Amino acid sequence: MKTVALDTLGCKLSFAETSTFARRFREGGYLQVPGSEKADIYVVNTCAVTEHAAKKGRNLIRKLHRLNPDARIVVTGCYAQLNPGAVAELEGVWAVVGSQYKPQLYEIATAAEPLDGRRIFVEPIAASTSYFPAYSSADRTRSFLKVQDGCDYHCAYCTVPLARGDSRNPSIETVVAQAREIAAEGVKEVVITGVNTGDFGKSTGESFFDLLKALNDVEGIERYRISSIEPNLLTNEIIDWISAGTKFVPHFHIPLQSGCDRILQQMGRRYTTAFFAEKIAYIRSRMDHVFLGIDVIVGFPGETDEDFQATYSFLERLNPAFIHIFPYSRRADTPAAVMKGQVQECVKTKRVEALEELCRRCHSAFYEANRGRRGTVLFESTDRNGMMSGYTSNYIRVERPYDETQAGRLVEVEI
């Protein structure tokens, strides 16, 4: 039996796409094996959000070629889209598959000879209208459902619009049909994801809010999470609807990027710190014990010590449940790459460390505020040394002795 191994470097959106590739290979008679084992075909779904992520992709390709020099390595994802020539030159690479060719990845990977005599399947992406529907199915408890791709925002630091193209989406009908497929597999929780998830509707004239309401009616799915959403796209109308009692849980992942208005403007973000603070306050006024995860970039060009202190103080006042911290990474072909005032790496490191310490305090305080409350946990089916774990609706990880009767079920517990 022929074998395939698939590796994902990057976001949950890429994870959903890799899982969709895996289903196609299984349908074609391939046995999926771990990436640490020899395989006939390796599929590497790369990331390009930072230079570190790009380097990890190159290193992984080299490692897989050493593991099995006879294997075909097929590379896709954002780094492959942005640097197809460099990827194709790496030893062992059979084909480079860009964004618009993802639906044909299986055929490209399994062709007897290079398909159409080509090894690089990459076209300009910016104005693409093609869409690759995807959802993950490796986990019996939770599935990541792709509802949108691309981004029109073009923030100064970001390569994603260059790799993913303009904002586009399938119809609500298509997304709901996929959600029903997920429910038929016995999955209880769906995380809806995209590049700019809340921008859903650009291609079809529909709205993100209408999508949420349609998904809420899918039988069999008991919980939904919104993976990440821009603060300007998370409307009060949506917040009010979720808080009124739906399958959507009190868990929001919202990118801030800077707590300094001058830096936000330089980044090209579409809000002010005042707007962001008001949005957080409104969410908390409508939902108790809501989990708020916030993204922050430190060391953006021109960020002074005073600017960073403004970000630190702003986050301290917001007191989120978690802070996702990213040191700015200089990326080719972005406006920020040529800005004056590039911040030294050692300064970025110190700023990351300061925010990591703040994150630990915020996260601990959030857990303590929930101690003793009752919450509903979706336990995973994996037995890890006699223990099982799962998450409450507001994303608190709970562990207890393994009980097969509770695996894959929503169980009320005391936290």
Foldseek 3Di string as FASTA:
>chain_A
DAEEEEEEQDDQVLVQLRQVVVVVVVVVVHHYDYLVAQGQEYEYAFDPFFVVRVVVSLVSQLVNCVRPVNHEYEYEHQSCQVCVPVVVPRRRHQARAADQCSVCSVVCRPPPHRVVNDRYHYDFAAPDADDDWGKHDPFLAEMEGEFKEADDQQFQQGCRCRRTHYIYGDDLVVSLVVLLVSLVSQYAEYEYDYPAQQVPCPHPVDGSLVSVVSNQPRPRHQAYEHPEHELVSCDLVNLLVVLVDTRYFLEYEYEDAFLAQVVCVNRSHDDHNVSVLVSLVSSCVRDPLGAYEYEYEPQQAPQDPVRLVSRVVSCLVSLHLAYHYHYRHQDPPGNSNPDHRRGDPVVSVVSRVVVVVVRVVSNVVSVVVQAFPKFKWAWAQDQDPQKIWTAGSNGDIDMDGDDNVRHSHTDIDGD
